[in-house]
Amino acid sequence: MVLVHSQTPDGRFCAEWLQAYAERKGLHVEIRQVNELSDADAETFNRGLSRLVRVLAEAIRVTLAIIQRYLRLLTSAATTG
């Protein structure tokens, strides 16, 4: 699981709290901070949104790679077993 938070103390606090809770439930959790995700001005906000999209896209790529490896292992086990 990936938790994404803004570059604020509140965002970090919430992400860390949720991470601790999820890990107590046995889940693996990564925290990613998105810099400049702020409503200070339109330009900063747009840069922050671009960074958010990059962080989410990377998390999706990693997850898909893990799923593909798992499916290859299942397929291999099914054909050899």
N, C-alpha and C. Protein backbone atom coordinates (compact mmCIF):
# COMPACT_ATOMS: atom_id res chain seq x y z
N MET A 1 0.85 -1.16 0.00
CA MET A 1 0.00 0.00 0.00
C MET A 1 0.91 1.24 0.00
N VAL A 2 0.50 2.21 -0.77
CA VAL A 2 1.25 3.47 -0.83
C VAL A 2 0.34 4.59 -0.34
N LEU A 3 0.81 5.33 0.64
CA LEU A 3 0.08 6.50 1.14
C LEU A 3 0.81 7.74 0.64
N VAL A 4 0.07 8.62 0.03
CA VAL A 4 0.62 9.85 -0.53
C VAL A 4 0.12 11.01 0.31
N HIS A 5 1.04 11.92 0.66
CA HIS A 5 0.63 13.07 1.47
C HIS A 5 1.28 14.35 0.98
N SER A 6 0.66 15.45 1.35
CA SER A 6 1.18 16.76 0.98
C SER A 6 2.39 17.10 1.85
N GLN A 7 3.06 18.17 1.49
CA GLN A 7 4.26 18.62 2.20
C GLN A 7 3.83 19.53 3.35
N THR A 8 3.04 18.98 4.25
CA THR A 8 2.59 19.74 5.42
C THR A 8 2.71 18.86 6.65
N PRO A 9 2.84 19.47 7.82
CA PRO A 9 2.87 18.65 9.04
C PRO A 9 1.61 17.81 9.22
N ASP A 10 0.46 18.36 8.89
CA ASP A 10 -0.79 17.60 9.02
C ASP A 10 -0.82 16.42 8.05
N GLY A 11 -0.39 16.65 6.82
CA GLY A 11 -0.36 15.57 5.85
C GLY A 11 0.56 14.45 6.28
N ARG A 12 1.75 14.82 6.77
CA ARG A 12 2.72 13.81 7.25
C ARG A 12 2.17 13.07 8.46
N PHE A 13 1.58 13.79 9.40
CA PHE A 13 1.02 13.17 10.59
C PHE A 13 -0.03 12.14 10.22
N CYS A 14 -0.96 12.51 9.33
CA CYS A 14 -2.03 11.59 8.93
C CYS A 14 -1.47 10.35 8.24
N ALA A 15 -0.50 10.56 7.34
CA ALA A 15 0.09 9.42 6.63
C ALA A 15 0.81 8.49 7.61
N GLU A 16 1.55 9.04 8.55
CA GLU A 16 2.25 8.20 9.53
C GLU A 16 1.28 7.46 10.44
N TRP A 17 0.19 8.13 10.83
CA TRP A 17 -0.81 7.49 11.67
C TRP A 17 -1.46 6.33 10.93
N LEU A 18 -1.85 6.56 9.67
CA LEU A 18 -2.46 5.50 8.87
C LEU A 18 -1.47 4.37 8.59
N GLN A 19 -0.20 4.71 8.40
CA GLN A 19 0.81 3.69 8.19
C GLN A 19 0.92 2.79 9.42
N ALA A 20 1.00 3.39 10.59
CA ALA A 20 1.11 2.60 11.83
C ALA A 20 -0.12 1.70 12.00
N TYR A 21 -1.29 2.24 11.75
CA TYR A 21 -2.52 1.46 11.87
C TYR A 21 -2.52 0.27 10.91
N ALA A 22 -2.19 0.53 9.65
CA ALA A 22 -2.20 -0.52 8.64
C ALA A 22 -1.15 -1.58 8.94
N GLU A 23 0.02 -1.17 9.41
CA GLU A 23 1.07 -2.13 9.72
C GLU A 23 0.69 -3.00 10.91
N ARG A 24 -0.06 -2.45 11.85
CA ARG A 24 -0.57 -3.27 12.96
C ARG A 24 -1.53 -4.34 12.45
N LYS A 25 -2.16 -4.07 11.32
CA LYS A 25 -3.08 -5.02 10.70
C LYS A 25 -2.35 -5.98 9.75
N GLY A 26 -1.03 -5.85 9.69
CA GLY A 26 -0.23 -6.75 8.88
C GLY A 26 0.02 -6.32 7.45
N LEU A 27 -0.28 -5.09 7.11
CA LEU A 27 -0.06 -4.59 5.76
C LEU A 27 1.28 -3.89 5.65
N HIS A 28 1.91 -4.02 4.49
CA HIS A 28 3.13 -3.27 4.22
C HIS A 28 2.73 -1.92 3.63
N VAL A 29 3.27 -0.85 4.17
CA VAL A 29 2.87 0.50 3.76
C VAL A 29 4.10 1.35 3.47
N GLU A 30 4.06 2.04 2.34
CA GLU A 30 5.08 3.03 2.01
C GLU A 30 4.43 4.40 2.03
N ILE A 31 5.18 5.39 2.47
CA ILE A 31 4.69 6.76 2.49
C ILE A 31 5.47 7.57 1.45
N ARG A 32 4.75 8.33 0.65
CA ARG A 32 5.37 9.20 -0.34
C ARG A 32 4.87 10.62 -0.14
N GLN A 33 5.80 11.54 -0.04
CA GLN A 33 5.45 12.96 0.08
C GLN A 33 5.43 13.60 -1.30
N VAL A 34 4.43 14.43 -1.55
CA VAL A 34 4.34 15.17 -2.80
C VAL A 34 4.66 16.63 -2.49
N ASN A 35 5.82 17.07 -2.95
CA ASN A 35 6.22 18.46 -2.71
C ASN A 35 5.38 19.41 -3.55
N GLU A 36 5.20 20.59 -3.03
CA GLU A 36 4.49 21.70 -3.70
C GLU A 36 2.99 21.43 -3.91
N LEU A 37 2.45 20.43 -3.25
CA LEU A 37 1.01 20.20 -3.34
C LEU A 37 0.36 21.12 -2.32
N SER A 38 0.19 22.36 -2.74
CA SER A 38 -0.27 23.42 -1.85
C SER A 38 -1.17 24.36 -2.63
N ASP A 39 -2.06 25.01 -1.91
CA ASP A 39 -2.93 25.99 -2.57
C ASP A 39 -2.39 27.42 -2.41
N ALA A 40 -1.08 27.54 -2.19
CA ALA A 40 -0.47 28.86 -2.00
C ALA A 40 -0.72 29.78 -3.20
N ASP A 41 -0.57 29.22 -4.40
CA ASP A 41 -0.87 29.96 -5.63
C ASP A 41 -1.06 28.93 -6.74
N ALA A 42 -1.61 29.37 -7.86
CA ALA A 42 -1.96 28.45 -8.94
C ALA A 42 -0.75 27.73 -9.52
N GLU A 43 0.35 28.44 -9.68
CA GLU A 43 1.55 27.83 -10.26
C GLU A 43 2.10 26.71 -9.37
N THR A 44 2.18 26.97 -8.07
CA THR A 44 2.65 25.96 -7.12
C THR A 44 1.72 24.76 -7.12
N PHE A 45 0.42 25.03 -7.11
CA PHE A 45 -0.56 23.95 -7.11
C PHE A 45 -0.43 23.08 -8.36
N ASN A 46 -0.25 23.70 -9.51
CA ASN A 46 -0.10 22.93 -10.75
C ASN A 46 1.15 22.07 -10.74
N ARG A 47 2.26 22.61 -10.22
CA ARG A 47 3.48 21.80 -10.09
C ARG A 47 3.23 20.64 -9.15
N GLY A 48 2.53 20.90 -8.06
CA GLY A 48 2.22 19.84 -7.11
C GLY A 48 1.36 18.75 -7.72
N LEU A 49 0.37 19.15 -8.52
CA LEU A 49 -0.47 18.16 -9.19
C LEU A 49 0.35 17.30 -10.16
N SER A 50 1.26 17.93 -10.87
CA SER A 50 2.13 17.17 -11.79
C SER A 50 2.96 16.16 -11.01
N ARG A 51 3.47 16.57 -9.88
CA ARG A 51 4.26 15.65 -9.05
C ARG A 51 3.39 14.53 -8.50
N LEU A 52 2.17 14.86 -8.12
CA LEU A 52 1.24 13.84 -7.62
C LEU A 52 0.98 12.78 -8.69
N VAL A 53 0.76 13.22 -9.91
CA VAL A 53 0.52 12.28 -11.01
C VAL A 53 1.73 11.38 -11.21
N ARG A 54 2.94 11.94 -11.14
CA ARG A 54 4.15 11.13 -11.30
C ARG A 54 4.28 10.10 -10.18
N VAL A 55 4.01 10.50 -8.94
CA VAL A 55 4.09 9.57 -7.81
C VAL A 55 3.07 8.44 -7.97
N LEU A 56 1.85 8.79 -8.35
CA LEU A 56 0.81 7.77 -8.54
C LEU A 56 1.14 6.84 -9.70
N ALA A 57 1.64 7.39 -10.80
CA ALA A 57 2.00 6.57 -11.95
C ALA A 57 3.11 5.59 -11.60
N GLU A 58 4.09 6.03 -10.84
CA GLU A 58 5.18 5.14 -10.42
C GLU A 58 4.65 4.03 -9.52
N ALA A 59 3.77 4.37 -8.60
CA ALA A 59 3.19 3.35 -7.71
C ALA A 59 2.41 2.32 -8.52
N ILE A 60 1.69 2.76 -9.54
CA ILE A 60 0.94 1.85 -10.39
C ILE A 60 1.88 0.96 -11.18
N ARG A 61 2.96 1.54 -11.75
CA ARG A 61 3.94 0.74 -12.50
C ARG A 61 4.55 -0.35 -11.63
N VAL A 62 4.93 -0.01 -10.42
CA VAL A 62 5.53 -0.99 -9.51
C VAL A 62 4.53 -2.09 -9.17
N THR A 63 3.30 -1.71 -8.89
CA THR A 63 2.27 -2.69 -8.55
C THR A 63 2.01 -3.62 -9.73
N LEU A 64 1.91 -3.08 -10.92
CA LEU A 64 1.68 -3.93 -12.10
C LEU A 64 2.84 -4.89 -12.34
N ALA A 65 4.06 -4.44 -12.11
CA ALA A 65 5.22 -5.32 -12.28
C ALA A 65 5.16 -6.48 -11.28
N ILE A 66 4.76 -6.20 -10.06
CA ILE A 66 4.64 -7.25 -9.04
C ILE A 66 3.55 -8.24 -9.44
N ILE A 67 2.43 -7.75 -9.90
CA ILE A 67 1.33 -8.62 -10.32
C ILE A 67 1.76 -9.49 -11.50
N GLN A 68 2.47 -8.91 -12.46
CA GLN A 68 2.92 -9.67 -13.62
C GLN A 68 3.87 -10.79 -13.20
N ARG A 69 4.81 -10.50 -12.28
CA ARG A 69 5.72 -11.54 -11.79
C ARG A 69 4.95 -12.65 -11.10
N TYR A 70 3.97 -12.28 -10.28
CA TYR A 70 3.16 -13.26 -9.57
C TYR A 70 2.38 -14.13 -10.56
N LEU A 71 1.79 -13.53 -11.58
CA LEU A 71 1.05 -14.30 -12.58
C LEU A 71 1.96 -15.24 -13.36
N ARG A 72 3.17 -14.80 -13.68
CA ARG A 72 4.13 -15.68 -14.36
C ARG A 72 4.47 -16.87 -13.48
N LEU A 73 4.65 -16.64 -12.19
CA LEU A 73 4.94 -17.75 -11.28
C LEU A 73 3.77 -18.73 -11.21
N LEU A 74 2.56 -18.20 -11.15
CA LEU A 74 1.38 -19.06 -11.12
C LEU A 74 1.25 -19.88 -12.40
N THR A 75 1.48 -19.22 -13.53
CA THR A 75 1.39 -19.91 -14.82
C THR A 75 2.45 -20.98 -14.92
N SER A 76 3.64 -20.67 -14.48
CA SER A 76 4.74 -21.62 -14.52
C SER A 76 4.45 -22.82 -13.62
N ALA A 77 3.94 -22.56 -12.42
CA ALA A 77 3.62 -23.64 -11.49
C ALA A 77 2.50 -24.52 -12.03
N ALA A 78 1.54 -23.92 -12.71
CA ALA A 78 0.41 -24.67 -13.25
C ALA A 78 0.84 -25.59 -14.40
N THR A 79 1.80 -25.12 -15.19
CA THR A 79 2.23 -25.93 -16.34
C THR A 79 3.23 -27.00 -15.95
N THR A 80 3.97 -26.81 -14.85
CA THR A 80 4.94 -27.80 -14.41
C THR A 80 4.39 -28.73 -13.34
N GLY A 81 3.28 -28.35 -12.75
CA GLY A 81 2.74 -29.14 -11.62
C GLY A 81 1.62 -29.96 -12.05
